[in-house]
């Protein structure tokens, strides 16, 4: 396929690096590509960022057949732009597509198209420490049809957004609330994919958490309501008696790229790692016996987010005196230093643009 490029005539002013938020400002250009049964994926193009015009009957608006990814572009110490594990993101993108009956994309072509988009938008990649250019690839169903089936047409697009820290707290510990009334996903469903409906299912409990002063919801399994699964926008890790423990991937938990990075680095460093079921009662018992040393979340947006407080029912525990733990700090430093090119990449995770 031949990628066509149409440059924007009127360019937007760039926000100052010290005035960035998350997900509010978008660059001048985007990538688009279409799918139908006759042509397959076709008409790949980079063009000005603009609205997607669709009919009120468009299937994604009614049945939620949509997937997305999230990754970042960083400036390294020389000013060059680089990506962190983008091939893994596009591989997971295709796994989500398969689960949602969406046609697979050519991962190599998609990465090349992204790189060309980044070349055009290179000036949008911020330079200040802790900032980056967030990348959102998405596919949506575009048939104008109200019957319940998989769509026959799709739009694949990539948009870019300069960002600062995801949480207002920055790298300071966050407070999370364990919901006992709501579930996000169950095994056998689509909880392991990055699909729009998973996030819609999380909103009610998330809003309740925010009203009560918590940053995120910690979800339990949807069957027994006792085993820890993940946080709203992150995977979760516990350091108990010097062992790193995280819920195993069971079909209702997203296989996070940062989660995998933490596990691989821990093994490289000789830290014992367990991927297994862990109940919320075990977490609180470990705290009571002074074995719960640290809790942190991992994800593309926040990288590593230390957890300083957990509320479960009427019980509230504070982890590590509410301060950033040594291991959380080590993972944050290592991953961000690799992303920004400050240290050698021991895992070959960096992709130059």
C-alpha atoms as a PDB file:
ATOM      1  CA  UNK A   1       0.000   0.000   0.000  1.00  0.00           C
ATOM      2  CA  UNK A   2       1.127   3.514  -0.789  1.00  0.00           C
ATOM      3  CA  UNK A   3       0.892   5.971   2.091  1.00  0.00           C
ATOM      4  CA  UNK A   4      -0.266   9.407   0.960  1.00  0.00           C
ATOM      5  CA  UNK A   5       0.462  12.596   2.903  1.00  0.00           C
ATOM      6  CA  UNK A   6      -1.590  15.800   2.940  1.00  0.00           C
ATOM      7  CA  UNK A   7      -0.098  18.588   5.012  1.00  0.00           C
ATOM      8  CA  UNK A   8      -2.227  20.890   7.175  1.00  0.00           C
ATOM      9  CA  UNK A   9      -2.355  24.491   5.952  1.00  0.00           C
ATOM     10  CA  UNK A  10      -2.991  26.102   9.333  1.00  0.00           C
ATOM     11  CA  UNK A  11      -0.782  24.833  12.129  1.00  0.00           C
ATOM     12  CA  UNK A  12      -1.744  25.062  15.785  1.00  0.00           C
ATOM     13  CA  UNK A  13       0.384  26.827  18.404  1.00  0.00           C
ATOM     14  CA  UNK A  14       2.352  24.386  20.536  1.00  0.00           C
ATOM     15  CA  UNK A  15       1.676  24.456  24.285  1.00  0.00           C
ATOM     16  CA  UNK A  16       4.589  25.168  26.595  1.00  0.00           C
ATOM     17  CA  UNK A  17       6.146  22.067  28.133  1.00  0.00           C
ATOM     18  CA  UNK A  18       5.273  23.344  31.603  1.00  0.00           C
ATOM     19  CA  UNK A  19       1.618  23.809  30.650  1.00  0.00           C
ATOM     20  CA  UNK A  20       0.736  20.289  29.521  1.00  0.00           C
ATOM     21  CA  UNK A  21      -2.042  18.121  30.899  1.00  0.00           C
ATOM     22  CA  UNK A  22      -3.161  14.725  29.595  1.00  0.00           C
ATOM     23  CA  UNK A  23      -5.413  14.067  26.606  1.00  0.00           C
ATOM     24  CA  UNK A  24      -6.646  17.576  25.860  1.00  0.00           C
ATOM     25  CA  UNK A  25      -4.437  18.947  23.067  1.00  0.00           C
ATOM     26  CA  UNK A  26      -3.898  17.155  19.748  1.00  0.00           C
ATOM     27  CA  UNK A  27      -1.342  17.624  16.995  1.00  0.00           C
ATOM     28  CA  UNK A  28      -1.866  18.949  13.476  1.00  0.00           C
ATOM     29  CA  UNK A  29      -2.007  15.603  11.673  1.00  0.00           C
ATOM     30  CA  UNK A  30      -3.430  12.103  12.074  1.00  0.00           C
ATOM     31  CA  UNK A  31      -3.172   8.751  10.308  1.00  0.00           C
ATOM     32  CA  UNK A  32      -6.261   7.177   8.738  1.00  0.00           C
ATOM     33  CA  UNK A  33      -6.894   3.922   6.894  1.00  0.00           C
ATOM     34  CA  UNK A  34     -10.130   2.212   5.817  1.00  0.00           C
ATOM     35  CA  UNK A  35     -11.359  -1.361   5.506  1.00  0.00           C
ATOM     36  CA  UNK A  36     -14.097  -3.034   3.504  1.00  0.00           C
ATOM     37  CA  UNK A  37     -14.693  -6.612   2.382  1.00  0.00           C
ATOM     38  CA  UNK A  38     -13.746  -5.934  -1.255  1.00  0.00           C
ATOM     39  CA  UNK A  39     -10.475  -4.037  -0.738  1.00  0.00           C
ATOM     40  CA  UNK A  40      -9.388  -5.101   2.739  1.00  0.00           C
ATOM     41  CA  UNK A  41      -7.328  -2.427   4.458  1.00  0.00           C
ATOM     42  CA  UNK A  42      -6.734   0.377   1.954  1.00  0.00           C
ATOM     43  CA  UNK A  43      -6.203   4.101   1.426  1.00  0.00           C
ATOM     44  CA  UNK A  44      -3.612   4.703   4.173  1.00  0.00           C
ATOM     45  CA  UNK A  45      -3.044   8.407   4.592  1.00  0.00           C
ATOM     46  CA  UNK A  46      -1.633  11.087   6.835  1.00  0.00           C
ATOM     47  CA  UNK A  47      -3.825  14.155   6.756  1.00  0.00           C
ATOM     48  CA  UNK A  48      -4.844  17.107   8.923  1.00  0.00           C
ATOM     49  CA  UNK A  49      -6.387  16.242  12.285  1.00  0.00           C
ATOM     50  CA  UNK A  50     -10.127  16.547  11.771  1.00  0.00           C
ATOM     51  CA  UNK A  51     -13.506  15.156  12.859  1.00  0.00           C
ATOM     52  CA  UNK A  52     -14.601  11.742  11.637  1.00  0.00           C
ATOM     53  CA  UNK A  53     -17.979  12.182   9.953  1.00  0.00           C
ATOM     54  CA  UNK A  54     -20.367   9.288  10.511  1.00  0.00           C
ATOM     55  CA  UNK A  55     -24.045   8.512  10.325  1.00  0.00           C
ATOM     56  CA  UNK A  56     -26.125   8.257  13.518  1.00  0.00           C
ATOM     57  CA  UNK A  57     -26.589   4.567  12.690  1.00  0.00           C
ATOM     58  CA  UNK A  58     -22.845   3.838  12.633  1.00  0.00           C
ATOM     59  CA  UNK A  59     -22.356   0.529  14.417  1.00  0.00           C
ATOM     60  CA  UNK A  60     -19.622   1.617  16.831  1.00  0.00           C
ATOM     61  CA  UNK A  61     -22.050   4.105  18.373  1.00  0.00           C
ATOM     62  CA  UNK A  62     -24.539   1.353  19.187  1.00  0.00           C
ATOM     63  CA  UNK A  63     -22.583  -1.852  19.788  1.00  0.00           C
ATOM     64  CA  UNK A  64     -19.163  -0.633  20.905  1.00  0.00           C
ATOM     65  CA  UNK A  65     -17.044  -2.533  18.390  1.00  0.00           C
ATOM     66  CA  UNK A  66     -13.922  -0.481  19.034  1.00  0.00           C
ATOM     67  CA  UNK A  67     -10.355  -1.140  20.139  1.00  0.00           C
ATOM     68  CA  UNK A  68      -7.403   1.084  20.940  1.00  0.00           C
ATOM     69  CA  UNK A  69      -3.821   1.156  22.177  1.00  0.00           C
ATOM     70  CA  UNK A  70      -1.702   3.608  24.124  1.00  0.00           C
ATOM     71  CA  UNK A  71       2.030   4.199  23.779  1.00  0.00           C
ATOM     72  CA  UNK A  72       4.423   7.139  23.897  1.00  0.00           C
ATOM     73  CA  UNK A  73       7.193   8.834  21.961  1.00  0.00           C
ATOM     74  CA  UNK A  74      10.087  10.315  23.965  1.00  0.00           C
ATOM     75  CA  UNK A  75      12.996  12.648  23.326  1.00  0.00           C
ATOM     76  CA  UNK A  76      16.280  11.109  24.384  1.00  0.00           C
ATOM     77  CA  UNK A  77      19.330  12.916  25.703  1.00  0.00           C
ATOM     78  CA  UNK A  78      20.452  13.860  22.168  1.00  0.00           C
ATOM     79  CA  UNK A  79      17.039  15.237  21.194  1.00  0.00           C
ATOM     80  CA  UNK A  80      16.197  12.271  18.956  1.00  0.00           C
ATOM     81  CA  UNK A  81      12.727  10.708  19.168  1.00  0.00           C
ATOM     82  CA  UNK A  82      12.222   7.097  20.225  1.00  0.00           C
ATOM     83  CA  UNK A  83       9.420   4.672  21.046  1.00  0.00           C
ATOM     84  CA  UNK A  84       9.145   2.156  23.864  1.00  0.00           C
ATOM     85  CA  UNK A  85       8.077  -1.376  22.822  1.00  0.00           C
ATOM     86  CA  UNK A  86       5.781  -0.263  19.959  1.00  0.00           C
ATOM     87  CA  UNK A  87       5.854  -3.700  18.321  1.00  0.00           C
ATOM     88  CA  UNK A  88       4.340  -5.162  21.477  1.00  0.00           C
ATOM     89  CA  UNK A  89       1.580  -2.561  21.379  1.00  0.00           C
ATOM     90  CA  UNK A  90       0.652  -3.361  17.780  1.00  0.00           C
ATOM     91  CA  UNK A  91       0.809  -7.081  18.543  1.00  0.00           C
ATOM     92  CA  UNK A  92      -1.651  -6.580  21.422  1.00  0.00           C
ATOM     93  CA  UNK A  93      -3.736  -4.365  19.131  1.00  0.00           C
ATOM     94  CA  UNK A  94      -4.184  -7.329  16.781  1.00  0.00           C
ATOM     95  CA  UNK A  95      -5.099  -9.605  19.685  1.00  0.00           C
ATOM     96  CA  UNK A  96      -7.816  -7.151  20.677  1.00  0.00           C
ATOM     97  CA  UNK A  97      -8.940  -6.994  17.042  1.00  0.00           C
ATOM     98  CA  UNK A  98      -9.262 -10.778  16.903  1.00  0.00           C
ATOM     99  CA  UNK A  99     -11.395 -10.851  20.060  1.00  0.00           C
ATOM    100  CA  UNK A 100     -13.692  -8.097  18.702  1.00  0.00           C
ATOM    101  CA  UNK A 101     -14.055  -9.657  15.193  1.00  0.00           C
ATOM    102  CA  UNK A 102     -12.062  -6.808  13.641  1.00  0.00           C
ATOM    103  CA  UNK A 103      -9.749  -7.537  10.676  1.00  0.00           C
ATOM    104  CA  UNK A 104      -6.069  -7.795  11.550  1.00  0.00           C
ATOM    105  CA  UNK A 105      -3.693  -5.018  10.530  1.00  0.00           C
ATOM    106  CA  UNK A 106      -0.187  -5.368   9.123  1.00  0.00           C
ATOM    107  CA  UNK A 107       1.834  -4.563  12.243  1.00  0.00           C
ATOM    108  CA  UNK A 108       4.984  -3.647  10.325  1.00  0.00           C
ATOM    109  CA  UNK A 109       3.079  -1.271   8.035  1.00  0.00           C
ATOM    110  CA  UNK A 110       1.307   0.300  11.020  1.00  0.00           C
ATOM    111  CA  UNK A 111       4.609   0.953  12.803  1.00  0.00           C
ATOM    112  CA  UNK A 112       6.129   2.443   9.664  1.00  0.00           C
ATOM    113  CA  UNK A 113       3.073   4.693   9.209  1.00  0.00           C
ATOM    114  CA  UNK A 114       3.361   5.794  12.836  1.00  0.00           C
ATOM    115  CA  UNK A 115       7.025   6.663  12.349  1.00  0.00           C
ATOM    116  CA  UNK A 116       6.194   8.747   9.281  1.00  0.00           C
ATOM    117  CA  UNK A 117       3.482  10.545  11.257  1.00  0.00           C
ATOM    118  CA  UNK A 118       5.996  11.238  14.026  1.00  0.00           C
ATOM    119  CA  UNK A 119       8.509  12.611  11.515  1.00  0.00           C
ATOM    120  CA  UNK A 120       5.897  15.115  10.401  1.00  0.00           C
ATOM    121  CA  UNK A 121       4.893  15.974  13.990  1.00  0.00           C
ATOM    122  CA  UNK A 122       8.395  15.832  15.494  1.00  0.00           C
ATOM    123  CA  UNK A 123       8.160  19.386  16.846  1.00  0.00           C
ATOM    124  CA  UNK A 124       5.183  18.316  18.976  1.00  0.00           C
ATOM    125  CA  UNK A 125       7.294  15.915  21.060  1.00  0.00           C
ATOM    126  CA  UNK A 126       7.961  17.932  24.228  1.00  0.00           C
ATOM    127  CA  UNK A 127      11.455  18.288  25.670  1.00  0.00           C
ATOM    128  CA  UNK A 128      10.919  18.770  29.409  1.00  0.00           C
ATOM    129  CA  UNK A 129      11.654  15.944  31.815  1.00  0.00           C
ATOM    130  CA  UNK A 130       8.620  13.739  32.432  1.00  0.00           C
ATOM    131  CA  UNK A 131       6.791  14.844  29.292  1.00  0.00           C
ATOM    132  CA  UNK A 132       6.134  12.803  26.145  1.00  0.00           C
ATOM    133  CA  UNK A 133       3.914  12.504  23.085  1.00  0.00           C
ATOM    134  CA  UNK A 134       1.044  10.115  23.789  1.00  0.00           C
ATOM    135  CA  UNK A 135       0.014   7.937  20.819  1.00  0.00           C
ATOM    136  CA  UNK A 136      -3.522   6.552  20.463  1.00  0.00           C
ATOM    137  CA  UNK A 137      -4.114   4.003  17.661  1.00  0.00           C
ATOM    138  CA  UNK A 138      -7.798   3.026  17.363  1.00  0.00           C
ATOM    139  CA  UNK A 139     -10.119   0.995  15.148  1.00  0.00           C
ATOM    140  CA  UNK A 140     -13.863   1.575  15.039  1.00  0.00           C
ATOM    141  CA  UNK A 141     -16.723  -0.200  13.227  1.00  0.00           C
ATOM    142  CA  UNK A 142     -18.222   2.094  10.581  1.00  0.00           C
ATOM    143  CA  UNK A 143     -21.177   0.251   8.976  1.00  0.00           C
ATOM    144  CA  UNK A 144     -24.370   2.364   9.058  1.00  0.00           C
ATOM    145  CA  UNK A 145     -26.478  -0.568  10.282  1.00  0.00           C
ATOM    146  CA  UNK A 146     -28.528  -1.375  13.381  1.00  0.00           C
ATOM    147  CA  UNK A 147     -28.436  -5.177  13.166  1.00  0.00           C
ATOM    148  CA  UNK A 148     -26.266  -6.931  15.758  1.00  0.00           C
ATOM    149  CA  UNK A 149     -23.307  -8.413  13.903  1.00  0.00           C
ATOM    150  CA  UNK A 150     -19.666  -7.605  13.233  1.00  0.00           C
ATOM    151  CA  UNK A 151     -19.239  -4.628  10.953  1.00  0.00           C
ATOM    152  CA  UNK A 152     -18.080  -5.046   7.355  1.00  0.00           C
ATOM    153  CA  UNK A 153     -16.249  -1.696   7.310  1.00  0.00           C
ATOM    154  CA  UNK A 154     -13.762  -0.084   9.703  1.00  0.00           C
ATOM    155  CA  UNK A 155     -11.614   2.995  10.257  1.00  0.00           C
ATOM    156  CA  UNK A 156      -8.102   2.688  11.695  1.00  0.00           C
ATOM    157  CA  UNK A 157      -6.697   5.986  12.927  1.00  0.00           C
ATOM    158  CA  UNK A 158      -3.797   7.265  15.028  1.00  0.00           C
ATOM    159  CA  UNK A 159      -3.876  10.566  16.900  1.00  0.00           C
ATOM    160  CA  UNK A 160      -1.126  12.219  18.957  1.00  0.00           C
ATOM    161  CA  UNK A 161      -1.221  14.276  22.123  1.00  0.00           C
ATOM    162  CA  UNK A 162       1.635  16.010  24.031  1.00  0.00           C
ATOM    163  CA  UNK A 163       1.299  15.109  27.698  1.00  0.00           C
ATOM    164  CA  UNK A 164       2.652  15.643  31.186  1.00  0.00           C
ATOM    165  CA  UNK A 165       2.065  13.311  34.154  1.00  0.00           C
ATOM    166  CA  UNK A 166      -1.178  11.287  34.038  1.00  0.00           C
ATOM    167  CA  UNK A 167      -2.052  11.739  37.700  1.00  0.00           C
ATOM    168  CA  UNK A 168      -2.220  15.110  39.407  1.00  0.00           C
ATOM    169  CA  UNK A 169      -0.257  13.513  42.238  1.00  0.00           C
ATOM    170  CA  UNK A 170       2.649  12.918  39.832  1.00  0.00           C
ATOM    171  CA  UNK A 171       4.912  10.221  41.264  1.00  0.00           C
ATOM    172  CA  UNK A 172       3.540  10.647  44.767  1.00  0.00           C
ATOM    173  CA  UNK A 173       1.543   7.715  46.206  1.00  0.00           C
ATOM    174  CA  UNK A 174      -2.126   7.524  45.246  1.00  0.00           C
ATOM    175  CA  UNK A 175      -5.131   6.324  47.231  1.00  0.00           C
ATOM    176  CA  UNK A 176      -7.202   3.451  45.836  1.00  0.00           C
ATOM    177  CA  UNK A 177     -10.590   2.055  46.795  1.00  0.00           C
ATOM    178  CA  UNK A 178     -11.613  -1.591  46.517  1.00  0.00           C
ATOM    179  CA  UNK A 179     -15.150  -1.785  45.167  1.00  0.00           C
ATOM    180  CA  UNK A 180     -17.319  -4.592  46.525  1.00  0.00           C
ATOM    181  CA  UNK A 181     -20.417  -3.795  44.485  1.00  0.00           C
ATOM    182  CA  UNK A 182     -19.115  -3.512  40.930  1.00  0.00           C
ATOM    183  CA  UNK A 183     -17.092  -5.702  38.559  1.00  0.00           C
ATOM    184  CA  UNK A 184     -15.239  -4.670  35.422  1.00  0.00           C
ATOM    185  CA  UNK A 185     -14.905  -7.951  33.523  1.00  0.00           C
ATOM    186  CA  UNK A 186     -15.155 -11.729  33.799  1.00  0.00           C
ATOM    187  CA  UNK A 187     -13.194 -14.558  32.237  1.00  0.00           C
ATOM    188  CA  UNK A 188     -14.618 -15.580  28.905  1.00  0.00           C
ATOM    189  CA  UNK A 189     -15.443 -11.978  28.031  1.00  0.00           C
ATOM    190  CA  UNK A 190     -13.251  -9.199  26.646  1.00  0.00           C
ATOM    191  CA  UNK A 191     -11.569  -8.027  29.843  1.00  0.00           C
ATOM    192  CA  UNK A 192      -8.160  -8.964  28.419  1.00  0.00           C
ATOM    193  CA  UNK A 193      -8.586  -6.583  25.472  1.00  0.00           C
ATOM    194  CA  UNK A 194      -8.320  -2.812  25.109  1.00  0.00           C
ATOM    195  CA  UNK A 195     -11.880  -2.258  23.984  1.00  0.00           C
ATOM    196  CA  UNK A 196     -14.090   0.727  24.699  1.00  0.00           C
ATOM    197  CA  UNK A 197     -16.702  -1.218  26.655  1.00  0.00           C
ATOM    198  CA  UNK A 198     -14.227  -2.257  29.345  1.00  0.00           C
ATOM    199  CA  UNK A 199     -13.623   1.363  30.205  1.00  0.00           C
ATOM    200  CA  UNK A 200     -17.311   2.255  30.043  1.00  0.00           C
ATOM    201  CA  UNK A 201     -17.906  -0.517  32.601  1.00  0.00           C
ATOM    202  CA  UNK A 202     -15.375   1.097  34.938  1.00  0.00           C
ATOM    203  CA  UNK A 203     -16.809   4.618  34.955  1.00  0.00           C
ATOM    204  CA  UNK A 204     -19.524   4.331  37.604  1.00  0.00           C
ATOM    205  CA  UNK A 205     -17.227   2.919  40.276  1.00  0.00           C
ATOM    206  CA  UNK A 206     -14.476   5.314  39.187  1.00  0.00           C
ATOM    207  CA  UNK A 207     -16.723   8.315  39.710  1.00  0.00           C
ATOM    208  CA  UNK A 208     -17.753   6.989  43.113  1.00  0.00           C
ATOM    209  CA  UNK A 209     -14.101   6.605  44.055  1.00  0.00           C
ATOM    210  CA  UNK A 210     -13.312  10.177  42.993  1.00  0.00           C
ATOM    211  CA  UNK A 211     -16.245  11.565  44.983  1.00  0.00           C
ATOM    212  CA  UNK A 212     -14.792   9.928  48.066  1.00  0.00           C
ATOM    213  CA  UNK A 213     -11.267  11.202  47.563  1.00  0.00           C
ATOM    214  CA  UNK A 214      -9.674   8.184  45.868  1.00  0.00           C
ATOM    215  CA  UNK A 215      -7.618   8.248  42.685  1.00  0.00           C
ATOM    216  CA  UNK A 216      -8.528   4.824  41.309  1.00  0.00           C
ATOM    217  CA  UNK A 217     -10.644   1.707  41.820  1.00  0.00           C
ATOM    218  CA  UNK A 218      -9.065  -1.651  42.616  1.00  0.00           C
ATOM    219  CA  UNK A 219     -11.157  -4.322  40.948  1.00  0.00           C
ATOM    220  CA  UNK A 220     -11.786  -7.800  42.328  1.00  0.00           C
ATOM    221  CA  UNK A 221     -12.674 -10.828  40.235  1.00  0.00           C
ATOM    222  CA  UNK A 222     -16.222 -10.952  38.918  1.00  0.00           C
ATOM    223  CA  UNK A 223     -17.091 -14.416  40.249  1.00  0.00           C
ATOM    224  CA  UNK A 224     -15.961 -14.770  43.858  1.00  0.00           C
ATOM    225  CA  UNK A 225     -15.360 -11.054  44.476  1.00  0.00           C
ATOM    226  CA  UNK A 226     -12.223 -11.842  46.472  1.00  0.00           C
ATOM    227  CA  UNK A 227      -9.216 -12.015  44.159  1.00  0.00           C
ATOM    228  CA  UNK A 228      -7.397  -8.848  43.088  1.00  0.00           C
ATOM    229  CA  UNK A 229      -7.414  -8.174  39.335  1.00  0.00           C
ATOM    230  CA  UNK A 230      -6.280  -4.690  38.300  1.00  0.00           C
ATOM    231  CA  UNK A 231      -6.688  -0.980  38.943  1.00  0.00           C
ATOM    232  CA  UNK A 232      -8.803   1.191  36.627  1.00  0.00           C
ATOM    233  CA  UNK A 233      -5.972   2.199  34.303  1.00  0.00           C
ATOM    234  CA  UNK A 234      -3.117   0.049  35.588  1.00  0.00           C
ATOM    235  CA  UNK A 235      -1.989  -3.427  36.501  1.00  0.00           C
ATOM    236  CA  UNK A 236      -1.203  -3.882  40.191  1.00  0.00           C
ATOM    237  CA  UNK A 237       1.852  -5.204  42.059  1.00  0.00           C
ATOM    238  CA  UNK A 238       2.439  -6.069  45.718  1.00  0.00           C
ATOM    239  CA  UNK A 239       5.810  -6.479  47.419  1.00  0.00           C
ATOM    240  CA  UNK A 240       5.233  -9.003  50.192  1.00  0.00           C
ATOM    241  CA  UNK A 241       8.163 -10.346  52.187  1.00  0.00           C
ATOM    242  CA  UNK A 242      10.614  -9.214  49.461  1.00  0.00           C
ATOM    243  CA  UNK A 243       8.670 -11.027  46.701  1.00  0.00           C
ATOM    244  CA  UNK A 244       6.982  -9.193  43.840  1.00  0.00           C
ATOM    245  CA  UNK A 245       3.443 -10.530  43.398  1.00  0.00           C
ATOM    246  CA  UNK A 246       0.966  -9.614  40.650  1.00  0.00           C
ATOM    247  CA  UNK A 247      -2.330 -11.222  39.587  1.00  0.00           C
ATOM    248  CA  UNK A 248      -1.825 -13.800  36.852  1.00  0.00           C
ATOM    249  CA  UNK A 249      -3.320 -13.175  33.421  1.00  0.00           C
ATOM    250  CA  UNK A 250      -6.566 -15.119  33.498  1.00  0.00           C
ATOM    251  CA  UNK A 251      -8.610 -13.730  30.604  1.00  0.00           C
ATOM    252  CA  UNK A 252     -10.132 -10.787  32.449  1.00  0.00           C
ATOM    253  CA  UNK A 253      -6.920  -8.837  33.080  1.00  0.00           C
ATOM    254  CA  UNK A 254      -5.141  -6.724  30.464  1.00  0.00           C
ATOM    255  CA  UNK A 255      -1.655  -7.938  29.564  1.00  0.00           C
ATOM    256  CA  UNK A 256       0.014  -4.587  30.214  1.00  0.00           C
ATOM    257  CA  UNK A 257       3.211  -3.719  28.344  1.00  0.00           C
ATOM    258  CA  UNK A 258       4.556  -1.915  31.416  1.00  0.00           C
ATOM    259  CA  UNK A 259       3.456  -4.871  33.575  1.00  0.00           C
ATOM    260  CA  UNK A 260       5.582  -7.153  31.409  1.00  0.00           C
ATOM    261  CA  UNK A 261       8.473  -4.679  31.563  1.00  0.00           C
ATOM    262  CA  UNK A 262       8.359  -4.710  35.381  1.00  0.00           C
ATOM    263  CA  UNK A 263       8.342  -8.512  35.485  1.00  0.00           C
ATOM    264  CA  UNK A 264      11.256  -8.804  33.046  1.00  0.00           C
ATOM    265  CA  UNK A 265      13.336  -6.226  34.922  1.00  0.00           C
ATOM    266  CA  UNK A 266      12.584  -7.885  38.263  1.00  0.00           C
ATOM    267  CA  UNK A 267      13.842 -11.211  36.932  1.00  0.00           C
ATOM    268  CA  UNK A 268      16.917  -9.495  35.489  1.00  0.00           C
ATOM    269  CA  UNK A 269      17.622  -8.002  38.918  1.00  0.00           C
ATOM    270  CA  UNK A 270      17.055 -11.256  40.785  1.00  0.00           C
ATOM    271  CA  UNK A 271      13.852 -10.145  42.527  1.00  0.00           C
ATOM    272  CA  UNK A 272      11.522 -13.135  43.118  1.00  0.00           C
ATOM    273  CA  UNK A 273       8.347 -12.768  41.033  1.00  0.00           C
ATOM    274  CA  UNK A 274       5.034 -14.576  41.424  1.00  0.00           C
ATOM    275  CA  UNK A 275       2.167 -14.300  38.930  1.00  0.00           C
ATOM    276  CA  UNK A 276      -0.741 -15.900  40.750  1.00  0.00           C
ATOM    277  CA  UNK A 277      -4.092 -15.394  42.385  1.00  0.00           C
ATOM    278  CA  UNK A 278      -3.891 -13.050  45.330  1.00  0.00           C
ATOM    279  CA  UNK A 279      -6.938 -12.269  47.440  1.00  0.00           C
ATOM    280  CA  UNK A 280      -7.660  -8.903  48.967  1.00  0.00           C
ATOM    281  CA  UNK A 281      -7.741 -10.655  52.345  1.00  0.00           C
ATOM    282  CA  UNK A 282      -4.167 -11.873  51.759  1.00  0.00           C
ATOM    283  CA  UNK A 283      -3.083  -8.292  51.052  1.00  0.00           C
ATOM    284  CA  UNK A 284      -4.634  -7.007  54.276  1.00  0.00           C
ATOM    285  CA  UNK A 285      -3.270  -9.944  56.268  1.00  0.00           C
ATOM    286  CA  UNK A 286       0.205  -9.238  54.915  1.00  0.00           C
ATOM    287  CA  UNK A 287      -0.175  -5.664  56.097  1.00  0.00           C
ATOM    288  CA  UNK A 288      -1.244  -6.800  59.572  1.00  0.00           C
ATOM    289  CA  UNK A 289       1.831  -9.020  59.838  1.00  0.00           C
ATOM    290  CA  UNK A 290       4.116  -6.215  58.582  1.00  0.00           C
ATOM    291  CA  UNK A 291       5.018  -8.185  55.428  1.00  0.00           C
ATOM    292  CA  UNK A 292       3.330  -5.849  52.938  1.00  0.00           C
ATOM    293  CA  UNK A 293       6.214  -3.608  51.980  1.00  0.00           C
ATOM    294  CA  UNK A 294       4.982  -1.831  48.864  1.00  0.00           C
ATOM    295  CA  UNK A 295       2.071  -1.585  46.424  1.00  0.00           C
ATOM    296  CA  UNK A 296       2.265   0.060  43.014  1.00  0.00           C
ATOM    297  CA  UNK A 297       0.443   0.191  39.709  1.00  0.00           C
ATOM    298  CA  UNK A 298       1.974   0.002  36.244  1.00  0.00           C
ATOM    299  CA  UNK A 299       0.732   1.374  32.926  1.00  0.00           C
ATOM    300  CA  UNK A 300       1.710   3.354  29.857  1.00  0.00           C
ATOM    301  CA  UNK A 301       0.162   6.599  31.073  1.00  0.00           C
ATOM    302  CA  UNK A 302       1.572   6.679  34.610  1.00  0.00           C
ATOM    303  CA  UNK A 303       4.511   4.231  34.122  1.00  0.00           C
ATOM    304  CA  UNK A 304       4.766   3.360  37.838  1.00  0.00           C
ATOM    305  CA  UNK A 305       2.278   4.729  40.355  1.00  0.00           C
ATOM    306  CA  UNK A 306       3.005   4.019  44.025  1.00  0.00           C
ATOM    307  CA  UNK A 307      -0.029   3.255  46.191  1.00  0.00           C
ATOM    308  CA  UNK A 308      -0.004   4.793  49.644  1.00  0.00           C
ATOM    309  CA  UNK A 309      -3.458   3.840  50.905  1.00  0.00           C
ATOM    310  CA  UNK A 310      -6.077   1.142  50.212  1.00  0.00           C
ATOM    311  CA  UNK A 311      -9.661   1.159  51.505  1.00  0.00           C
ATOM    312  CA  UNK A 312     -11.653  -2.091  51.534  1.00  0.00           C
ATOM    313  CA  UNK A 313     -15.042  -1.934  53.219  1.00  0.00           C
ATOM    314  CA  UNK A 314     -14.427  -0.232  56.528  1.00  0.00           C
ATOM    315  CA  UNK A 315     -10.757  -1.211  56.605  1.00  0.00           C
ATOM    316  CA  UNK A 316      -8.078   1.261  55.594  1.00  0.00           C
ATOM    317  CA  UNK A 317      -4.367   0.500  55.371  1.00  0.00           C
ATOM    318  CA  UNK A 318      -1.422   2.789  54.750  1.00  0.00           C
ATOM    319  CA  UNK A 319       1.514   1.263  52.893  1.00  0.00           C
ATOM    320  CA  UNK A 320       5.064   2.291  53.727  1.00  0.00           C
ATOM    321  CA  UNK A 321       3.992   5.299  55.784  1.00  0.00           C
ATOM    322  CA  UNK A 322       2.346   6.659  52.629  1.00  0.00           C
ATOM    323  CA  UNK A 323       5.702   7.329  50.966  1.00  0.00           C
ATOM    324  CA  UNK A 324       7.270   6.080  47.729  1.00  0.00           C
ATOM    325  CA  UNK A 325       8.886   2.685  48.259  1.00  0.00           C
ATOM    326  CA  UNK A 326      12.415   1.735  47.274  1.00  0.00           C
ATOM    327  CA  UNK A 327      11.356  -0.906  44.749  1.00  0.00           C
ATOM    328  CA  UNK A 328       8.674   1.306  43.175  1.00  0.00           C
ATOM    329  CA  UNK A 329      11.259   4.041  42.792  1.00  0.00           C
ATOM    330  CA  UNK A 330      13.749   1.628  41.235  1.00  0.00           C
ATOM    331  CA  UNK A 331      11.277   0.433  38.594  1.00  0.00           C
ATOM    332  CA  UNK A 332      10.164   3.976  37.813  1.00  0.00           C
ATOM    333  CA  UNK A 333      13.738   5.186  37.430  1.00  0.00           C
ATOM    334  CA  UNK A 334      14.808   2.219  35.300  1.00  0.00           C
ATOM    335  CA  UNK A 335      11.851   2.287  32.893  1.00  0.00           C
ATOM    336  CA  UNK A 336      11.803   6.053  32.438  1.00  0.00           C
ATOM    337  CA  UNK A 337      15.594   6.197  32.069  1.00  0.00           C
ATOM    338  CA  UNK A 338      15.337   3.590  29.286  1.00  0.00           C
ATOM    339  CA  UNK A 339      12.461   5.472  27.660  1.00  0.00           C
ATOM    340  CA  UNK A 340      14.375   8.760  27.660  1.00  0.00           C
ATOM    341  CA  UNK A 341      17.673   7.168  26.632  1.00  0.00           C
ATOM    342  CA  UNK A 342      19.480   8.024  29.854  1.00  0.00           C
ATOM    343  CA  UNK A 343      20.780   4.488  30.408  1.00  0.00           C
ATOM    344  CA  UNK A 344      21.531   1.466  28.264  1.00  0.00           C
ATOM    345  CA  UNK A 345      18.485  -0.522  27.148  1.00  0.00           C
ATOM    346  CA  UNK A 346      19.158  -4.076  28.399  1.00  0.00           C
ATOM    347  CA  UNK A 347      16.068  -5.571  26.730  1.00  0.00           C
ATOM    348  CA  UNK A 348      16.170  -4.026  23.249  1.00  0.00           C
ATOM    349  CA  UNK A 349      12.871  -2.266  23.946  1.00  0.00           C
ATOM    350  CA  UNK A 350      13.688   1.052  22.279  1.00  0.00           C
ATOM    351  CA  UNK A 351      12.631   1.691  18.680  1.00  0.00           C
ATOM    352  CA  UNK A 352      14.278   4.737  17.056  1.00  0.00           C
ATOM    353  CA  UNK A 353      11.977   6.919  14.947  1.00  0.00           C
END
